Amino acid sequence: MDTSGRKIQLETIQHKIDTNNKVVAVQQELLELDEEEKIEWINYHKLIGNKYYRCKNFSKAADIYLEALTAAKIIKDDATTLTMLCNLASCMISQEYYYSAVHLLDEALKMKPDHARALERRAVAYSSMGKLEEAEKDIKTGLACVQDKKLKSKFNDLLVTMIKDKQKKREMYKKMVEVKVKPKDVYIPNWLKKVVSIVVKPVGWVKGFLHFCKRKKA
């Protein structure tokens, strides 16, 4: 009996429960803090999350960023919310959870459609998913609104990679269309040729005999 589907479903449910528990825990913790302390709490979690991310512990970094995101939403700090959404998306991309990354970045871009970092991150996610048209659209939108030189360089690098990927796809498709399957030479063994000749000769003799009989009757 295949239980893999049920296992994945249970893991997804457990993940949702864990996430909800984290959100509730953050809400309860923030109740005991004043506004200034809440900001300090968020900044501290951002720093811890960044350390985990630099150490490539993306799963742990995502947990910390989620807590900071929850707190930022509670105090209605839009700037931090956007930053945490992008940070979380980066963790998802690093773990190859591209659909989750796109979902987070969609939320960020609903808040601020010209958010350059969100556009850059989503372009990376789309590109990794093979959605080159969507990725190219985000890159061009990002280049039109980006101010930061470092981020602009990232967009340009992405665009160059995108052009190369599209060219490779075109070349692969062209080769697939041009490939012609050559018919293989049919090998007939000598013994089969002899059998054919033996069978064909009597047939010719029978036809001749029948023709002779018809002429005799006439």
C-alpha atoms as a PDB file:
ATOM      1  CA  MET A   1       0.000   0.000   0.000  1.00  0.00           C
ATOM      2  CA  ASP A   2       1.437   3.377  -1.083  1.00  0.00           C
ATOM      3  CA  THR A   3       1.269   5.787   1.864  1.00  0.00           C
ATOM      4  CA  SER A   4       3.620   8.449   0.424  1.00  0.00           C
ATOM      5  CA  GLY A   5       0.744  10.804  -0.462  1.00  0.00           C
ATOM      6  CA  ARG A   6      -0.714  10.541   3.028  1.00  0.00           C
ATOM      7  CA  LYS A   7       2.729  11.114   4.562  1.00  0.00           C
ATOM      8  CA  ILE A   8       3.208  14.322   2.546  1.00  0.00           C
ATOM      9  CA  GLN A   9      -0.289  15.484   3.528  1.00  0.00           C
ATOM     10  CA  LEU A  10       0.436  14.861   7.222  1.00  0.00           C
ATOM     11  CA  GLU A  11       3.779  16.689   6.957  1.00  0.00           C
ATOM     12  CA  THR A  12       2.013  19.660   5.318  1.00  0.00           C
ATOM     13  CA  ILE A  13      -0.618  19.727   8.071  1.00  0.00           C
ATOM     14  CA  GLN A  14       2.105  19.496  10.727  1.00  0.00           C
ATOM     15  CA  HIS A  15       3.997  22.373   9.080  1.00  0.00           C
ATOM     16  CA  LYS A  16       0.846  24.522   9.174  1.00  0.00           C
ATOM     17  CA  ILE A  17       0.308  23.644  12.841  1.00  0.00           C
ATOM     18  CA  ASP A  18       3.937  24.528  13.653  1.00  0.00           C
ATOM     19  CA  THR A  19       3.609  27.830  11.776  1.00  0.00           C
ATOM     20  CA  ASN A  20       0.362  28.703  13.558  1.00  0.00           C
ATOM     21  CA  ASN A  21       1.960  27.843  16.904  1.00  0.00           C
ATOM     22  CA  LYS A  22       4.880  30.181  16.124  1.00  0.00           C
ATOM     23  CA  VAL A  23       2.476  32.985  15.215  1.00  0.00           C
ATOM     24  CA  VAL A  24       0.502  32.523  18.448  1.00  0.00           C
ATOM     25  CA  ALA A  25       3.737  32.421  20.482  1.00  0.00           C
ATOM     26  CA  VAL A  26       4.956  35.680  18.900  1.00  0.00           C
ATOM     27  CA  GLN A  27       1.605  37.369  19.534  1.00  0.00           C
ATOM     28  CA  GLN A  28       1.682  36.388  23.204  1.00  0.00           C
ATOM     29  CA  GLU A  29       5.294  37.495  23.602  1.00  0.00           C
ATOM     30  CA  LEU A  30       4.632  40.904  22.047  1.00  0.00           C
ATOM     31  CA  LEU A  31       1.702  41.550  24.388  1.00  0.00           C
ATOM     32  CA  GLU A  32       4.188  42.029  27.214  1.00  0.00           C
ATOM     33  CA  LEU A  33       6.262  44.612  25.316  1.00  0.00           C
ATOM     34  CA  ASP A  34       5.785  48.311  24.653  1.00  0.00           C
ATOM     35  CA  GLU A  35       6.172  49.774  21.143  1.00  0.00           C
ATOM     36  CA  GLU A  36       9.890  50.500  21.452  1.00  0.00           C
ATOM     37  CA  GLU A  37      10.594  47.032  22.847  1.00  0.00           C
ATOM     38  CA  LYS A  38       8.632  45.448  19.994  1.00  0.00           C
ATOM     39  CA  ILE A  39      10.859  47.207  17.452  1.00  0.00           C
ATOM     40  CA  GLU A  40      13.971  46.049  19.328  1.00  0.00           C
ATOM     41  CA  TRP A  41      12.549  42.498  19.417  1.00  0.00           C
ATOM     42  CA  ILE A  42      12.035  42.539  15.639  1.00  0.00           C
ATOM     43  CA  ASN A  43      15.496  43.965  14.928  1.00  0.00           C
ATOM     44  CA  TYR A  44      17.098  41.324  17.154  1.00  0.00           C
ATOM     45  CA  HIS A  45      15.296  38.531  15.303  1.00  0.00           C
ATOM     46  CA  LYS A  46      16.316  40.035  11.966  1.00  0.00           C
ATOM     47  CA  LEU A  47      19.969  39.904  13.018  1.00  0.00           C
ATOM     48  CA  ILE A  48      19.699  36.309  14.242  1.00  0.00           C
ATOM     49  CA  GLY A  49      17.942  35.302  11.026  1.00  0.00           C
ATOM     50  CA  ASN A  50      20.679  36.961   8.967  1.00  0.00           C
ATOM     51  CA  LYS A  51      23.367  35.041  10.869  1.00  0.00           C
ATOM     52  CA  TYR A  52      21.640  31.729  10.192  1.00  0.00           C
ATOM     53  CA  TYR A  53      21.243  32.690   6.533  1.00  0.00           C
ATOM     54  CA  ARG A  54      24.938  33.553   6.162  1.00  0.00           C
ATOM     55  CA  CYS A  55      25.755  30.158   7.711  1.00  0.00           C
ATOM     56  CA  LYS A  56      23.466  28.591   5.060  1.00  0.00           C
ATOM     57  CA  ASN A  57      21.086  27.255   7.700  1.00  0.00           C
ATOM     58  CA  PHE A  58      18.144  28.352   5.568  1.00  0.00           C
ATOM     59  CA  SER A  59      15.506  26.362   7.428  1.00  0.00           C
ATOM     60  CA  LYS A  60      16.385  27.947  10.781  1.00  0.00           C
ATOM     61  CA  ALA A  61      16.743  31.374   9.186  1.00  0.00           C
ATOM     62  CA  ALA A  62      13.241  30.992   7.723  1.00  0.00           C
ATOM     63  CA  ASP A  63      11.817  30.196  11.185  1.00  0.00           C
ATOM     64  CA  ILE A  64      13.366  33.351  12.663  1.00  0.00           C
ATOM     65  CA  TYR A  65      12.318  35.523   9.714  1.00  0.00           C
ATOM     66  CA  LEU A  66       8.761  34.202  10.063  1.00  0.00           C
ATOM     67  CA  GLU A  67       8.686  35.349  13.688  1.00  0.00           C
ATOM     68  CA  ALA A  68      10.012  38.783  12.700  1.00  0.00           C
ATOM     69  CA  LEU A  69       7.455  38.964   9.859  1.00  0.00           C
ATOM     70  CA  THR A  70       4.612  38.125  12.239  1.00  0.00           C
ATOM     71  CA  ALA A  71       5.734  40.831  14.653  1.00  0.00           C
ATOM     72  CA  ALA A  72       6.142  43.386  11.853  1.00  0.00           C
ATOM     73  CA  LYS A  73       2.582  42.722  10.689  1.00  0.00           C
ATOM     74  CA  ILE A  74       1.245  43.070  14.229  1.00  0.00           C
ATOM     75  CA  ILE A  75       2.787  46.515  14.692  1.00  0.00           C
ATOM     76  CA  LYS A  76       1.961  47.391  11.038  1.00  0.00           C
ATOM     77  CA  ASP A  77       5.563  48.084  10.046  1.00  0.00           C
ATOM     78  CA  ASP A  78       5.259  47.830   6.250  1.00  0.00           C
ATOM     79  CA  ALA A  79       8.954  48.405   5.524  1.00  0.00           C
ATOM     80  CA  THR A  80      10.033  45.536   7.788  1.00  0.00           C
ATOM     81  CA  THR A  81       7.200  43.352   6.488  1.00  0.00           C
ATOM     82  CA  LEU A  82       8.505  43.795   2.935  1.00  0.00           C
ATOM     83  CA  THR A  83      12.068  43.036   4.028  1.00  0.00           C
ATOM     84  CA  MET A  84      11.020  39.880   5.874  1.00  0.00           C
ATOM     85  CA  LEU A  85       8.914  38.660   2.951  1.00  0.00           C
ATOM     86  CA  CYS A  86      11.954  39.006   0.686  1.00  0.00           C
ATOM     87  CA  ASN A  87      14.230  37.345   3.255  1.00  0.00           C
ATOM     88  CA  LEU A  88      11.817  34.450   3.653  1.00  0.00           C
ATOM     89  CA  ALA A  89      11.592  34.118  -0.125  1.00  0.00           C
ATOM     90  CA  SER A  90      15.392  33.959  -0.329  1.00  0.00           C
ATOM     91  CA  CYS A  91      15.331  31.066   2.154  1.00  0.00           C
ATOM     92  CA  MET A  92      12.718  29.303   0.041  1.00  0.00           C
ATOM     93  CA  ILE A  93      14.756  29.797  -3.151  1.00  0.00           C
ATOM     94  CA  SER A  94      17.889  28.468  -1.444  1.00  0.00           C
ATOM     95  CA  GLN A  95      15.924  25.334  -0.512  1.00  0.00           C
ATOM     96  CA  GLU A  96      14.413  25.112  -4.024  1.00  0.00           C
ATOM     97  CA  TYR A  97      10.866  25.853  -2.806  1.00  0.00           C
ATOM     98  CA  TYR A  98      10.242  28.133  -5.756  1.00  0.00           C
ATOM     99  CA  TYR A  99       6.437  28.161  -5.647  1.00  0.00           C
ATOM    100  CA  SER A 100       6.527  29.201  -1.985  1.00  0.00           C
ATOM    101  CA  ALA A 101       9.011  31.938  -2.855  1.00  0.00           C
ATOM    102  CA  VAL A 102       6.771  33.279  -5.629  1.00  0.00           C
ATOM    103  CA  HIS A 103       3.782  33.256  -3.251  1.00  0.00           C
ATOM    104  CA  LEU A 104       5.689  35.335  -0.666  1.00  0.00           C
ATOM    105  CA  LEU A 105       6.959  37.759  -3.293  1.00  0.00           C
ATOM    106  CA  ASP A 106       3.481  38.149  -4.792  1.00  0.00           C
ATOM    107  CA  GLU A 107       2.384  39.335  -1.355  1.00  0.00           C
ATOM    108  CA  ALA A 108       5.296  41.772  -1.193  1.00  0.00           C
ATOM    109  CA  LEU A 109       4.584  43.172  -4.660  1.00  0.00           C
ATOM    110  CA  LYS A 110       0.914  43.670  -3.819  1.00  0.00           C
ATOM    111  CA  MET A 111       2.105  46.000  -1.073  1.00  0.00           C
ATOM    112  CA  LYS A 112       4.664  47.731  -3.302  1.00  0.00           C
ATOM    113  CA  PRO A 113       4.545  46.864  -7.043  1.00  0.00           C
ATOM    114  CA  ASP A 114       7.882  48.553  -7.799  1.00  0.00           C
ATOM    115  CA  HIS A 115       9.811  46.914  -4.949  1.00  0.00           C
ATOM    116  CA  ALA A 116      13.075  46.179  -6.776  1.00  0.00           C
ATOM    117  CA  ARG A 117      14.374  43.443  -4.465  1.00  0.00           C
ATOM    118  CA  ALA A 118      11.070  41.558  -4.562  1.00  0.00           C
ATOM    119  CA  LEU A 119      11.094  41.749  -8.367  1.00  0.00           C
ATOM    120  CA  GLU A 120      14.686  40.483  -8.482  1.00  0.00           C
ATOM    121  CA  ARG A 121      13.947  37.578  -6.121  1.00  0.00           C
ATOM    122  CA  ARG A 122      10.798  36.624  -8.029  1.00  0.00           C
ATOM    123  CA  ALA A 123      12.706  36.747 -11.329  1.00  0.00           C
ATOM    124  CA  VAL A 124      15.207  34.260  -9.871  1.00  0.00           C
ATOM    125  CA  ALA A 125      12.380  31.984  -8.692  1.00  0.00           C
ATOM    126  CA  TYR A 126      10.575  32.159 -12.045  1.00  0.00           C
ATOM    127  CA  SER A 127      13.808  31.471 -13.919  1.00  0.00           C
ATOM    128  CA  SER A 128      14.517  28.427 -11.736  1.00  0.00           C
ATOM    129  CA  MET A 129      10.995  27.163 -12.506  1.00  0.00           C
ATOM    130  CA  GLY A 130      11.622  27.556 -16.243  1.00  0.00           C
ATOM    131  CA  LYS A 131       9.120  30.425 -16.523  1.00  0.00           C
ATOM    132  CA  LEU A 132      11.427  32.615 -18.593  1.00  0.00           C
ATOM    133  CA  GLU A 133       8.772  35.008 -19.928  1.00  0.00           C
ATOM    134  CA  GLU A 134       7.573  35.868 -16.402  1.00  0.00           C
ATOM    135  CA  ALA A 135      11.173  36.215 -15.214  1.00  0.00           C
ATOM    136  CA  GLU A 136      12.079  38.533 -18.091  1.00  0.00           C
ATOM    137  CA  LYS A 137       9.056  40.715 -17.355  1.00  0.00           C
ATOM    138  CA  ASP A 138      10.128  41.110 -13.701  1.00  0.00           C
ATOM    139  CA  ILE A 139      13.705  41.893 -14.747  1.00  0.00           C
ATOM    140  CA  LYS A 140      12.634  44.639 -17.139  1.00  0.00           C
ATOM    141  CA  THR A 141      10.235  46.106 -14.565  1.00  0.00           C
ATOM    142  CA  GLY A 142      12.999  46.010 -11.959  1.00  0.00           C
ATOM    143  CA  LEU A 143      15.543  47.699 -14.216  1.00  0.00           C
ATOM    144  CA  ALA A 144      13.072  50.504 -14.869  1.00  0.00           C
ATOM    145  CA  CYS A 145      12.654  51.311 -11.169  1.00  0.00           C
ATOM    146  CA  VAL A 146      15.871  50.184  -9.424  1.00  0.00           C
ATOM    147  CA  GLN A 147      18.155  52.821  -7.934  1.00  0.00           C
ATOM    148  CA  ASP A 148      20.727  50.702  -6.105  1.00  0.00           C
ATOM    149  CA  LYS A 149      23.774  50.018  -8.323  1.00  0.00           C
ATOM    150  CA  LYS A 150      24.459  46.589  -6.819  1.00  0.00           C
ATOM    151  CA  LEU A 151      20.876  45.483  -7.367  1.00  0.00           C
ATOM    152  CA  LYS A 152      20.896  46.936 -10.877  1.00  0.00           C
ATOM    153  CA  SER A 153      23.976  44.828 -11.618  1.00  0.00           C
ATOM    154  CA  LYS A 154      22.075  41.739 -10.402  1.00  0.00           C
ATOM    155  CA  PHE A 155      19.208  42.539 -12.760  1.00  0.00           C
ATOM    156  CA  ASN A 156      21.625  42.928 -15.681  1.00  0.00           C
ATOM    157  CA  ASP A 157      23.311  39.618 -14.850  1.00  0.00           C
ATOM    158  CA  LEU A 158      19.899  37.951 -14.701  1.00  0.00           C
ATOM    159  CA  LEU A 159      18.953  39.431 -18.065  1.00  0.00           C
ATOM    160  CA  VAL A 160      22.148  38.137 -19.692  1.00  0.00           C
ATOM    161  CA  THR A 161      21.508  34.670 -18.236  1.00  0.00           C
ATOM    162  CA  MET A 162      17.910  34.857 -19.410  1.00  0.00           C
ATOM    163  CA  ILE A 163      18.915  35.679 -22.990  1.00  0.00           C
ATOM    164  CA  LYS A 164      21.386  32.771 -23.005  1.00  0.00           C
ATOM    165  CA  ASP A 165      18.771  30.362 -21.640  1.00  0.00           C
ATOM    166  CA  LYS A 166      16.227  31.424 -24.249  1.00  0.00           C
ATOM    167  CA  GLN A 167      18.827  31.046 -27.006  1.00  0.00           C
ATOM    168  CA  LYS A 168      19.661  27.533 -25.776  1.00  0.00           C
ATOM    169  CA  LYS A 169      15.973  26.617 -25.817  1.00  0.00           C
ATOM    170  CA  ARG A 170      15.593  27.921 -29.370  1.00  0.00           C
ATOM    171  CA  GLU A 171      18.658  25.981 -30.539  1.00  0.00           C
ATOM    172  CA  MET A 172      17.448  22.782 -28.874  1.00  0.00           C
ATOM    173  CA  TYR A 173      14.021  23.164 -30.486  1.00  0.00           C
ATOM    174  CA  LYS A 174      15.614  23.851 -33.873  1.00  0.00           C
ATOM    175  CA  LYS A 175      17.735  20.697 -33.608  1.00  0.00           C
ATOM    176  CA  MET A 176      14.690  18.654 -32.627  1.00  0.00           C
ATOM    177  CA  VAL A 177      12.795  19.896 -35.695  1.00  0.00           C
ATOM    178  CA  GLU A 178      15.725  19.370 -38.068  1.00  0.00           C
ATOM    179  CA  VAL A 179      16.528  15.843 -36.936  1.00  0.00           C
ATOM    180  CA  LYS A 180      15.469  13.337 -39.586  1.00  0.00           C
ATOM    181  CA  VAL A 181      15.329   9.666 -38.797  1.00  0.00           C
ATOM    182  CA  LYS A 182      17.215   7.795 -41.495  1.00  0.00           C
ATOM    183  CA  PRO A 183      15.698   4.422 -42.425  1.00  0.00           C
ATOM    184  CA  LYS A 184      17.997   1.578 -41.503  1.00  0.00           C
ATOM    185  CA  ASP A 185      19.189  -0.803 -44.242  1.00  0.00           C
ATOM    186  CA  VAL A 186      17.221  -4.015 -43.991  1.00  0.00           C
ATOM    187  CA  TYR A 187      19.561  -6.980 -43.755  1.00  0.00           C
ATOM    188  CA  ILE A 188      18.311 -10.127 -45.519  1.00  0.00           C
ATOM    189  CA  PRO A 189      20.346 -13.236 -44.687  1.00  0.00           C
ATOM    190  CA  ASN A 190      21.422 -15.520 -47.537  1.00  0.00           C
ATOM    191  CA  TRP A 191      19.355 -18.456 -46.283  1.00  0.00           C
ATOM    192  CA  LEU A 192      16.204 -16.322 -46.498  1.00  0.00           C
ATOM    193  CA  LYS A 193      17.056 -15.254 -50.044  1.00  0.00           C
ATOM    194  CA  LYS A 194      17.338 -18.938 -51.058  1.00  0.00           C
ATOM    195  CA  VAL A 195      13.988 -19.756 -49.448  1.00  0.00           C
ATOM    196  CA  VAL A 196      12.347 -16.899 -51.338  1.00  0.00           C
ATOM    197  CA  SER A 197      13.841 -18.038 -54.646  1.00  0.00           C
ATOM    198  CA  ILE A 198      12.667 -21.630 -54.048  1.00  0.00           C
ATOM    199  CA  VAL A 199       9.139 -20.454 -53.271  1.00  0.00           C
ATOM    200  CA  VAL A 200       8.929 -17.963 -56.134  1.00  0.00           C
ATOM    201  CA  LYS A 201      10.178 -20.323 -58.863  1.00  0.00           C
ATOM    202  CA  PRO A 202       7.403 -22.961 -58.394  1.00  0.00           C
ATOM    203  CA  VAL A 203       4.845 -20.186 -58.401  1.00  0.00           C
ATOM    204  CA  GLY A 204       6.120 -19.063 -61.794  1.00  0.00           C
ATOM    205  CA  TRP A 205       6.034 -22.690 -63.065  1.00  0.00           C
ATOM    206  CA  VAL A 206       2.405 -23.134 -61.880  1.00  0.00           C
ATOM    207  CA  LYS A 207       1.329 -19.966 -63.672  1.00  0.00           C
ATOM    208  CA  GLY A 208       2.950 -21.230 -66.878  1.00  0.00           C
ATOM    209  CA  PHE A 209       1.240 -24.627 -66.596  1.00  0.00           C
ATOM    210  CA  LEU A 210      -2.196 -23.056 -66.064  1.00  0.00           C
ATOM    211  CA  HIS A 211      -1.675 -20.817 -69.076  1.00  0.00           C
ATOM    212  CA  PHE A 212      -0.768 -23.898 -71.185  1.00  0.00           C
ATOM    213  CA  CYS A 213      -3.945 -25.732 -70.030  1.00  0.00           C
ATOM    214  CA  LYS A 214      -6.134 -22.806 -71.019  1.00  0.00           C
ATOM    215  CA  ARG A 215      -4.617 -22.715 -74.516  1.00  0.00           C
ATOM    216  CA  LYS A 216      -5.151 -26.479 -74.936  1.00  0.00           C
ATOM    217  CA  LYS A 217      -8.855 -26.218 -74.047  1.00  0.00           C
ATOM    218  CA  ALA A 218      -9.281 -23.403 -76.489  1.00  0.00           C
END
